[in-house]
Every structure is written in structure tokens, then in C-alpha cells.
Amino acid sequence: MPVVRGIFYFEAVSNLGTAVYVLLFPAQFLAQLVPQDLPLVSVELGRWYAVLLLVLSAVLLGALREGDDRFLRRVIVAFLIGDGFQIAVSVRLGVVLDSFPFAVHAAIWSSVFYAAARVYYLRSSRSSAPR
């Protein structure tokens, strides 16, 4: 199971890096998703995404460092639900744009990868799950 936990650590750290990038450069981040100029208010809303990403990353890191699989399982279930929504929203964005930029593909496939790792973790850690 250390490999899967390593994947989750990588996710948390890369999300923190993404959050800092979005806080500092929201227009550049959004330009990777939407290849058209956006109103300033839309760009500023990108910073709200960064704040949420920071909080989610802190929760995941805390759950990983806690060492209690029961708490981590709950966090992983929530992230798995988020993966499903991330995939759906990314597909919808691609349909609305009538194209799928690389960043949209990356969002979809990284969510699929993390979802698979989460399902594996949840199935493998079942024996230590609370009853």
C-alpha cells in the first residue's frame, strides 16, 4: 500500500503547486482550459479555485500523515466523489468549447488515474475499515 499512499502524497503536493500557480497567475491557468479571453471577474474566480485546492490538499496531507486509515478512507471517498464530478465537468467544458484542449484532457485522465488509485486503496484497506 505504500505506493498508493505515495500517489496520494504526489497528488497533494502537485495540487499545492497548482494552487500557488493559480493564485499568482489565474489568467494563464484559465487560458490553458479556455482558449479565449475571459472577463476579469472570471479570472479572479480562478483564485477561488486555488483556495479550495489549497484546503483540499491540506486535508489530504493531514489524513495521510495522521496514520489512521479510518480517517484517510473517509477523505479518499470524498475525493473519489470529486473525481467523478471533475470528469463530468471537464467533459462538459470540452463539449461547450467544441474542443478538448490539452489541459481538459489532462484533467480528465488524471482524475481517472486518481480515481483508480482510490478504488484500489479502498478495496485493499477494507480489512482495517470501521464496521
N, C-alpha and C. Protein backbone atom coordinates (compact mmCIF):
# COMPACT_ATOMS: atom_id res chain seq x y z
N MET A 1 0.80 -1.21 0.00
CA MET A 1 0.00 0.00 0.00
C MET A 1 0.84 1.28 0.00
N PRO A 2 2.15 1.21 0.29
CA PRO A 2 2.96 2.43 0.29
C PRO A 2 2.96 3.14 -1.06
N VAL A 3 2.87 2.39 -2.16
CA VAL A 3 2.87 3.02 -3.49
C VAL A 3 1.62 3.88 -3.66
N VAL A 4 0.48 3.37 -3.23
CA VAL A 4 -0.77 4.13 -3.38
C VAL A 4 -0.73 5.37 -2.50
N ARG A 5 -0.24 5.23 -1.28
CA ARG A 5 -0.12 6.40 -0.42
C ARG A 5 0.85 7.41 -1.05
N GLY A 6 1.89 6.92 -1.70
CA GLY A 6 2.82 7.81 -2.40
C GLY A 6 2.12 8.57 -3.52
N ILE A 7 1.21 7.90 -4.21
CA ILE A 7 0.42 8.57 -5.26
C ILE A 7 -0.39 9.69 -4.65
N PHE A 8 -0.99 9.43 -3.49
CA PHE A 8 -1.80 10.46 -2.84
C PHE A 8 -0.94 11.62 -2.34
N TYR A 9 0.26 11.32 -1.85
CA TYR A 9 1.18 12.39 -1.46
C TYR A 9 1.55 13.23 -2.67
N PHE A 10 1.86 12.56 -3.78
CA PHE A 10 2.20 13.28 -5.01
C PHE A 10 1.04 14.18 -5.43
N GLU A 11 -0.18 13.64 -5.36
CA GLU A 11 -1.35 14.43 -5.73
C GLU A 11 -1.46 15.68 -4.85
N ALA A 12 -1.32 15.51 -3.54
CA ALA A 12 -1.45 16.64 -2.63
C ALA A 12 -0.39 17.71 -2.90
N VAL A 13 0.84 17.28 -3.10
CA VAL A 13 1.93 18.24 -3.34
C VAL A 13 1.76 18.92 -4.69
N SER A 14 1.39 18.16 -5.72
CA SER A 14 1.20 18.78 -7.04
C SER A 14 -0.01 19.71 -7.02
N ASN A 15 -1.04 19.37 -6.25
CA ASN A 15 -2.18 20.28 -6.11
C ASN A 15 -1.78 21.57 -5.40
N LEU A 16 -0.91 21.47 -4.40
CA LEU A 16 -0.42 22.68 -3.74
C LEU A 16 0.33 23.57 -4.72
N GLY A 17 1.17 22.95 -5.55
CA GLY A 17 1.89 23.72 -6.57
C GLY A 17 0.95 24.38 -7.56
N THR A 18 -0.07 23.63 -7.97
CA THR A 18 -1.06 24.18 -8.89
C THR A 18 -1.80 25.34 -8.23
N ALA A 19 -2.15 25.18 -6.97
CA ALA A 19 -2.88 26.24 -6.26
C ALA A 19 -2.06 27.52 -6.19
N VAL A 20 -0.78 27.40 -5.89
CA VAL A 20 0.08 28.59 -5.85
C VAL A 20 0.16 29.23 -7.23
N TYR A 21 0.32 28.41 -8.25
CA TYR A 21 0.36 28.92 -9.63
C TYR A 21 -0.94 29.68 -9.97
N VAL A 22 -2.08 29.10 -9.63
CA VAL A 22 -3.37 29.73 -9.94
C VAL A 22 -3.55 31.01 -9.14
N LEU A 23 -3.12 31.01 -7.88
CA LEU A 23 -3.21 32.25 -7.09
C LEU A 23 -2.40 33.38 -7.71
N LEU A 24 -1.21 33.04 -8.20
CA LEU A 24 -0.33 34.06 -8.76
C LEU A 24 -0.66 34.41 -10.21
N PHE A 25 -1.08 33.42 -10.99
CA PHE A 25 -1.28 33.61 -12.43
C PHE A 25 -2.62 33.01 -12.90
N PRO A 26 -3.73 33.50 -12.39
CA PRO A 26 -5.01 32.88 -12.74
C PRO A 26 -5.34 32.96 -14.23
N ALA A 27 -4.98 34.05 -14.87
CA ALA A 27 -5.30 34.19 -16.30
C ALA A 27 -4.55 33.15 -17.13
N GLN A 28 -3.29 32.91 -16.81
CA GLN A 28 -2.52 31.92 -17.55
C GLN A 28 -3.07 30.52 -17.32
N PHE A 29 -3.47 30.23 -16.09
CA PHE A 29 -4.05 28.92 -15.80
C PHE A 29 -5.33 28.72 -16.59
N LEU A 30 -6.22 29.69 -16.54
CA LEU A 30 -7.50 29.56 -17.24
C LEU A 30 -7.33 29.53 -18.75
N ALA A 31 -6.30 30.20 -19.26
CA ALA A 31 -6.05 30.19 -20.71
C ALA A 31 -5.71 28.78 -21.20
N GLN A 32 -5.20 27.93 -20.31
CA GLN A 32 -4.92 26.55 -20.69
C GLN A 32 -6.21 25.74 -20.85
N LEU A 33 -7.25 26.16 -20.17
CA LEU A 33 -8.53 25.47 -20.23
C LEU A 33 -9.47 26.06 -21.26
N VAL A 34 -9.49 27.38 -21.33
CA VAL A 34 -10.41 28.09 -22.22
C VAL A 34 -9.59 28.98 -23.14
N PRO A 35 -9.53 28.64 -24.43
CA PRO A 35 -8.67 29.37 -25.36
C PRO A 35 -9.28 30.68 -25.87
N GLN A 36 -9.93 31.41 -25.00
CA GLN A 36 -10.48 32.72 -25.38
C GLN A 36 -10.32 33.65 -24.20
N ASP A 37 -10.33 34.95 -24.47
CA ASP A 37 -10.20 35.92 -23.39
C ASP A 37 -11.42 35.84 -22.49
N LEU A 38 -11.16 35.92 -21.20
CA LEU A 38 -12.23 35.88 -20.21
C LEU A 38 -12.33 37.22 -19.51
N PRO A 39 -13.52 37.58 -19.06
CA PRO A 39 -13.65 38.82 -18.29
C PRO A 39 -12.82 38.73 -17.01
N LEU A 40 -12.40 39.88 -16.52
CA LEU A 40 -11.56 39.93 -15.33
C LEU A 40 -12.21 39.23 -14.15
N VAL A 41 -13.50 39.35 -13.99
CA VAL A 41 -14.17 38.70 -12.87
C VAL A 41 -14.06 37.18 -12.96
N SER A 42 -14.09 36.64 -14.16
CA SER A 42 -13.91 35.18 -14.33
C SER A 42 -12.50 34.76 -13.94
N VAL A 43 -11.55 35.58 -14.30
CA VAL A 43 -10.16 35.29 -13.96
C VAL A 43 -9.99 35.30 -12.43
N GLU A 44 -10.60 36.28 -11.79
CA GLU A 44 -10.50 36.35 -10.32
C GLU A 44 -11.19 35.17 -9.66
N LEU A 45 -12.23 34.64 -10.26
CA LEU A 45 -12.89 33.44 -9.70
C LEU A 45 -11.95 32.24 -9.74
N GLY A 46 -11.00 32.26 -10.65
CA GLY A 46 -9.98 31.22 -10.68
C GLY A 46 -9.21 31.15 -9.37
N ARG A 47 -9.02 32.29 -8.74
CA ARG A 47 -8.32 32.30 -7.46
C ARG A 47 -9.12 31.57 -6.38
N TRP A 48 -10.44 31.62 -6.46
CA TRP A 48 -11.27 30.87 -5.51
C TRP A 48 -11.01 29.38 -5.67
N TYR A 49 -10.84 28.94 -6.90
CA TYR A 49 -10.50 27.54 -7.16
C TYR A 49 -9.20 27.21 -6.44
N ALA A 50 -8.24 28.11 -6.52
CA ALA A 50 -6.94 27.89 -5.88
C ALA A 50 -7.09 27.75 -4.37
N VAL A 51 -7.92 28.57 -3.77
CA VAL A 51 -8.14 28.49 -2.33
C VAL A 51 -8.73 27.13 -1.95
N LEU A 52 -9.72 26.69 -2.71
CA LEU A 52 -10.31 25.38 -2.44
C LEU A 52 -9.28 24.26 -2.62
N LEU A 53 -8.45 24.40 -3.63
CA LEU A 53 -7.42 23.39 -3.87
C LEU A 53 -6.41 23.35 -2.71
N LEU A 54 -6.08 24.50 -2.17
CA LEU A 54 -5.19 24.54 -1.01
C LEU A 54 -5.82 23.82 0.19
N VAL A 55 -7.08 24.09 0.44
CA VAL A 55 -7.77 23.46 1.57
C VAL A 55 -7.86 21.95 1.37
N LEU A 56 -8.26 21.52 0.18
CA LEU A 56 -8.37 20.08 -0.08
C LEU A 56 -7.01 19.38 0.05
N SER A 57 -5.97 20.04 -0.42
CA SER A 57 -4.63 19.46 -0.32
C SER A 57 -4.21 19.34 1.14
N ALA A 58 -4.52 20.35 1.94
CA ALA A 58 -4.19 20.30 3.37
C ALA A 58 -4.93 19.17 4.06
N VAL A 59 -6.19 18.96 3.70
CA VAL A 59 -6.97 17.87 4.29
C VAL A 59 -6.36 16.53 3.91
N LEU A 60 -6.02 16.36 2.63
CA LEU A 60 -5.43 15.10 2.19
C LEU A 60 -4.09 14.85 2.86
N LEU A 61 -3.23 15.86 2.92
CA LEU A 61 -1.94 15.70 3.59
C LEU A 61 -2.13 15.36 5.07
N GLY A 62 -3.06 16.04 5.71
CA GLY A 62 -3.33 15.76 7.12
C GLY A 62 -3.80 14.33 7.32
N ALA A 63 -4.68 13.86 6.46
CA ALA A 63 -5.19 12.49 6.57
C ALA A 63 -4.07 11.48 6.32
N LEU A 64 -3.20 11.77 5.38
CA LEU A 64 -2.08 10.86 5.11
C LEU A 64 -1.11 10.81 6.29
N ARG A 65 -0.85 11.93 6.88
CA ARG A 65 0.12 12.00 7.98
C ARG A 65 -0.47 11.50 9.29
N GLU A 66 -1.78 11.52 9.41
CA GLU A 66 -2.45 11.07 10.63
C GLU A 66 -2.12 9.62 10.95
N GLY A 67 -2.02 8.81 9.90
CA GLY A 67 -1.71 7.40 10.10
C GLY A 67 -2.91 6.53 10.40
N ASP A 68 -4.08 7.13 10.54
CA ASP A 68 -5.32 6.38 10.83
C ASP A 68 -6.05 6.13 9.52
N ASP A 69 -6.07 4.89 9.08
CA ASP A 69 -6.71 4.57 7.80
C ASP A 69 -8.20 4.85 7.80
N ARG A 70 -8.83 4.82 8.98
CA ARG A 70 -10.28 5.11 9.01
C ARG A 70 -10.55 6.54 8.56
N PHE A 71 -9.75 7.48 9.03
CA PHE A 71 -9.92 8.88 8.62
C PHE A 71 -9.53 9.05 7.15
N LEU A 72 -8.41 8.45 6.77
CA LEU A 72 -7.96 8.56 5.38
C LEU A 72 -9.00 7.98 4.43
N ARG A 73 -9.61 6.88 4.78
CA ARG A 73 -10.65 6.28 3.93
C ARG A 73 -11.79 7.27 3.69
N ARG A 74 -12.19 7.97 4.71
CA ARG A 74 -13.28 8.95 4.55
C ARG A 74 -12.88 10.07 3.59
N VAL A 75 -11.65 10.52 3.72
CA VAL A 75 -11.14 11.57 2.83
C VAL A 75 -11.06 11.04 1.40
N ILE A 76 -10.58 9.82 1.25
CA ILE A 76 -10.44 9.23 -0.08
C ILE A 76 -11.81 9.05 -0.74
N VAL A 77 -12.81 8.66 0.02
CA VAL A 77 -14.17 8.53 -0.53
C VAL A 77 -14.64 9.89 -1.05
N ALA A 78 -14.41 10.94 -0.27
CA ALA A 78 -14.82 12.29 -0.71
C ALA A 78 -14.07 12.69 -1.98
N PHE A 79 -12.78 12.40 -2.04
CA PHE A 79 -12.00 12.72 -3.24
C PHE A 79 -12.47 11.89 -4.43
N LEU A 80 -12.88 10.65 -4.19
CA LEU A 80 -13.38 9.81 -5.28
C LEU A 80 -14.67 10.39 -5.85
N ILE A 81 -15.54 10.87 -5.01
CA ILE A 81 -16.75 11.55 -5.48
C ILE A 81 -16.36 12.77 -6.30
N GLY A 82 -15.37 13.51 -5.80
CA GLY A 82 -14.87 14.68 -6.53
C GLY A 82 -14.30 14.31 -7.89
N ASP A 83 -13.63 13.16 -7.97
CA ASP A 83 -13.10 12.70 -9.26
C ASP A 83 -14.23 12.54 -10.27
N GLY A 84 -15.32 11.93 -9.84
CA GLY A 84 -16.46 11.75 -10.74
C GLY A 84 -16.99 13.07 -11.26
N PHE A 85 -17.14 14.02 -10.36
CA PHE A 85 -17.61 15.35 -10.78
C PHE A 85 -16.58 16.06 -11.65
N GLN A 86 -15.30 15.91 -11.32
CA GLN A 86 -14.24 16.54 -12.12
C GLN A 86 -14.29 16.02 -13.56
N ILE A 87 -14.45 14.73 -13.71
CA ILE A 87 -14.53 14.14 -15.05
C ILE A 87 -15.76 14.69 -15.79
N ALA A 88 -16.90 14.70 -15.13
CA ALA A 88 -18.14 15.18 -15.76
C ALA A 88 -18.03 16.65 -16.16
N VAL A 89 -17.49 17.46 -15.28
CA VAL A 89 -17.38 18.90 -15.57
C VAL A 89 -16.36 19.14 -16.67
N SER A 90 -15.28 18.38 -16.68
CA SER A 90 -14.28 18.52 -17.73
C SER A 90 -14.84 18.13 -19.10
N VAL A 91 -15.60 17.05 -19.13
CA VAL A 91 -16.24 16.64 -20.40
C VAL A 91 -17.21 17.72 -20.85
N ARG A 92 -17.98 18.24 -19.91
CA ARG A 92 -18.94 19.30 -20.26
C ARG A 92 -18.21 20.52 -20.82
N LEU A 93 -17.09 20.90 -20.20
CA LEU A 93 -16.33 22.04 -20.71
C LEU A 93 -15.86 21.77 -22.13
N GLY A 94 -15.35 20.58 -22.39
CA GLY A 94 -14.92 20.24 -23.75
C GLY A 94 -16.06 20.32 -24.75
N VAL A 95 -17.24 19.87 -24.35
CA VAL A 95 -18.41 19.93 -25.24
C VAL A 95 -18.81 21.39 -25.49
N VAL A 96 -18.83 22.19 -24.43
CA VAL A 96 -19.20 23.60 -24.58
C VAL A 96 -18.19 24.32 -25.47
N LEU A 97 -16.92 24.00 -25.30
CA LEU A 97 -15.88 24.64 -26.13
C LEU A 97 -15.85 24.08 -27.54
N ASP A 98 -16.48 22.95 -27.74
CA ASP A 98 -16.45 22.23 -29.01
C ASP A 98 -15.04 21.78 -29.35
N SER A 99 -14.21 21.62 -28.30
CA SER A 99 -12.86 21.09 -28.44
C SER A 99 -12.38 20.69 -27.05
N PHE A 100 -11.36 19.88 -27.04
CA PHE A 100 -10.80 19.43 -25.78
C PHE A 100 -9.33 19.81 -25.72
N PRO A 101 -9.03 21.01 -25.19
CA PRO A 101 -7.62 21.41 -25.07
C PRO A 101 -6.84 20.42 -24.20
N PHE A 102 -5.53 20.45 -24.32
CA PHE A 102 -4.69 19.53 -23.57
C PHE A 102 -5.00 19.55 -22.08
N ALA A 103 -5.20 20.73 -21.50
CA ALA A 103 -5.45 20.83 -20.06
C ALA A 103 -6.75 20.13 -19.67
N VAL A 104 -7.75 20.15 -20.55
CA VAL A 104 -9.00 19.45 -20.26
C VAL A 104 -8.76 17.94 -20.31
N HIS A 105 -8.02 17.49 -21.31
CA HIS A 105 -7.65 16.07 -21.37
C HIS A 105 -6.88 15.68 -20.11
N ALA A 106 -5.94 16.51 -19.70
CA ALA A 106 -5.13 16.22 -18.51
C ALA A 106 -6.01 16.13 -17.27
N ALA A 107 -7.00 17.00 -17.16
CA ALA A 107 -7.91 16.95 -16.01
C ALA A 107 -8.70 15.65 -16.00
N ILE A 108 -9.17 15.25 -17.16
CA ILE A 108 -9.96 14.02 -17.25
C ILE A 108 -9.09 12.81 -16.91
N TRP A 109 -7.95 12.68 -17.57
CA TRP A 109 -7.13 11.48 -17.39
C TRP A 109 -6.46 11.41 -16.04
N SER A 110 -6.10 12.55 -15.47
CA SER A 110 -5.54 12.50 -14.12
C SER A 110 -6.62 12.11 -13.12
N SER A 111 -7.85 12.57 -13.34
CA SER A 111 -8.96 12.17 -12.46
C SER A 111 -9.25 10.68 -12.58
N VAL A 112 -9.17 10.15 -13.78
CA VAL A 112 -9.36 8.71 -13.98
C VAL A 112 -8.26 7.94 -13.24
N PHE A 113 -7.03 8.40 -13.37
CA PHE A 113 -5.91 7.74 -12.70
C PHE A 113 -6.08 7.77 -11.19
N TYR A 114 -6.35 8.96 -10.65
CA TYR A 114 -6.51 9.07 -9.19
C TYR A 114 -7.73 8.29 -8.71
N ALA A 115 -8.80 8.28 -9.48
CA ALA A 115 -9.98 7.50 -9.10
C ALA A 115 -9.64 6.02 -9.02
N ALA A 116 -8.87 5.53 -9.99
CA ALA A 116 -8.46 4.12 -9.97
C ALA A 116 -7.60 3.83 -8.74
N ALA A 117 -6.68 4.73 -8.41
CA ALA A 117 -5.85 4.54 -7.22
C ALA A 117 -6.71 4.56 -5.96
N ARG A 118 -7.72 5.42 -5.93
CA ARG A 118 -8.59 5.49 -4.76
C ARG A 118 -9.42 4.21 -4.60
N VAL A 119 -9.95 3.72 -5.72
CA VAL A 119 -10.73 2.48 -5.66
C VAL A 119 -9.84 1.34 -5.18
N TYR A 120 -8.63 1.27 -5.72
CA TYR A 120 -7.69 0.23 -5.28
C TYR A 120 -7.43 0.34 -3.78
N TYR A 121 -7.15 1.56 -3.31
CA TYR A 121 -6.88 1.77 -1.89
C TYR A 121 -8.08 1.36 -1.04
N LEU A 122 -9.25 1.79 -1.43
CA LEU A 122 -10.46 1.49 -0.64
C LEU A 122 -10.73 0.00 -0.59
N ARG A 123 -10.52 -0.68 -1.69
CA ARG A 123 -10.74 -2.14 -1.72
C ARG A 123 -9.66 -2.86 -0.93
N SER A 124 -8.44 -2.40 -1.02
CA SER A 124 -7.31 -3.06 -0.34
C SER A 124 -7.30 -2.81 1.16
N SER A 125 -7.81 -1.67 1.58
CA SER A 125 -7.77 -1.33 3.01
C SER A 125 -9.07 -1.71 3.71
N ARG A 126 -9.89 -2.45 3.04
CA ARG A 126 -11.20 -2.82 3.60
C ARG A 126 -11.10 -3.50 4.95
N SER A 127 -10.05 -4.30 5.15
CA SER A 127 -9.93 -5.06 6.40
C SER A 127 -9.74 -4.16 7.61
N SER A 128 -9.18 -2.97 7.42
CA SER A 128 -8.99 -2.06 8.56
C SER A 128 -10.08 -1.01 8.64
N ALA A 129 -11.09 -1.13 7.79
CA ALA A 129 -12.18 -0.15 7.78
C ALA A 129 -13.07 -0.33 9.00
N PRO A 130 -13.65 0.78 9.47
CA PRO A 130 -14.57 0.68 10.61
C PRO A 130 -15.84 -0.06 10.20
N ARG A 131 -16.38 -0.79 11.10
CA ARG A 131 -17.61 -1.56 10.81
C ARG A 131 -18.80 -0.85 11.38
